[in-house]
Amino acid sequence: MSILLQKLKKRLEKVEKHREKVRGCSPLTDGWQTQRYAKKSRDWDVLAKEKNELLIKIEEEQLKY
């Protein structure tokens, strides 16, 4: 396994751990229209995009071998 592939998988694990922290953000638990809710919601969106990008890169890297 290449070093790049290992780094991508490690970054994917970190993203998943962080997503677990912000998972379940809802107005009921964090309050409606609060900064805390907005931050968790933004983090969720950004991390989801990053996860998809990492999965694509991992797949491309695996196809090389």
Protein backbone atom coordinates (compact mmCIF):
# COMPACT_ATOMS: atom_id res chain seq x y z
CA MET A 1 0.00 0.00 0.00
CA SER A 2 1.37 3.38 -0.92
CA ILE A 3 2.19 6.08 1.58
CA LEU A 4 -0.33 8.43 -0.03
CA LEU A 5 -3.08 5.84 0.37
CA GLN A 6 -2.20 5.37 4.03
CA LYS A 7 -2.31 9.13 4.63
CA LEU A 8 -5.68 9.41 2.90
CA LYS A 9 -7.14 6.60 5.01
CA LYS A 10 -5.77 8.15 8.20
CA ARG A 11 -7.32 11.52 7.27
CA LEU A 12 -10.61 9.77 6.53
CA GLU A 13 -10.58 8.24 10.02
CA LYS A 14 -10.04 11.69 11.56
CA VAL A 15 -12.90 13.14 9.54
CA GLU A 16 -15.20 10.31 10.64
CA LYS A 17 -14.31 10.85 14.30
CA HIS A 18 -15.04 14.56 14.02
CA ARG A 19 -18.32 13.83 12.22
CA GLU A 20 -19.35 11.62 15.15
CA LYS A 21 -18.92 14.59 17.47
CA VAL A 22 -21.24 16.82 15.45
CA ARG A 23 -23.68 14.08 14.45
CA GLY A 24 -27.17 14.58 15.74
CA CYS A 25 -27.07 18.34 15.88
CA SER A 26 -30.63 19.47 16.04
CA PRO A 27 -32.52 22.57 17.11
CA LEU A 28 -33.98 20.60 20.01
CA THR A 29 -30.60 19.88 21.59
CA ASP A 30 -28.67 23.00 20.59
CA GLY A 31 -31.41 25.58 20.44
CA TRP A 32 -32.93 27.19 17.40
CA GLN A 33 -30.91 29.90 15.63
CA THR A 34 -27.93 29.64 17.94
CA GLN A 35 -24.27 29.91 17.01
CA ARG A 36 -23.62 26.46 18.44
CA TYR A 37 -26.23 24.88 16.13
CA ALA A 38 -24.99 26.85 13.13
CA LYS A 39 -21.39 25.81 13.74
CA LYS A 40 -22.27 22.12 14.08
CA SER A 41 -24.40 22.28 10.95
CA ARG A 42 -21.62 23.93 8.94
CA ASP A 43 -19.05 21.46 10.27
CA TRP A 44 -21.30 18.57 9.24
CA ASP A 45 -21.58 19.93 5.69
CA VAL A 46 -17.86 20.66 5.31
CA LEU A 47 -16.85 17.29 6.73
CA ALA A 48 -19.29 15.47 4.45
CA LYS A 49 -17.75 17.16 1.41
CA GLU A 50 -14.25 16.35 2.62
CA LYS A 51 -15.22 12.74 3.24
CA ASN A 52 -16.55 12.37 -0.30
CA GLU A 53 -13.40 13.89 -1.76
CA LEU A 54 -11.22 11.56 0.30
CA LEU A 55 -13.24 8.52 -0.76
CA ILE A 56 -12.83 9.49 -4.42
CA LYS A 57 -9.08 9.99 -3.99
CA ILE A 58 -8.75 6.64 -2.18
CA GLU A 59 -10.66 4.88 -4.94
CA GLU A 60 -8.51 6.47 -7.63
CA GLU A 61 -5.36 5.53 -5.75
CA GLN A 62 -6.50 1.91 -5.37
CA LEU A 63 -7.26 1.66 -9.07
CA LYS A 64 -3.66 2.49 -9.85
CA TYR A 65 -2.57 -0.80 -8.26
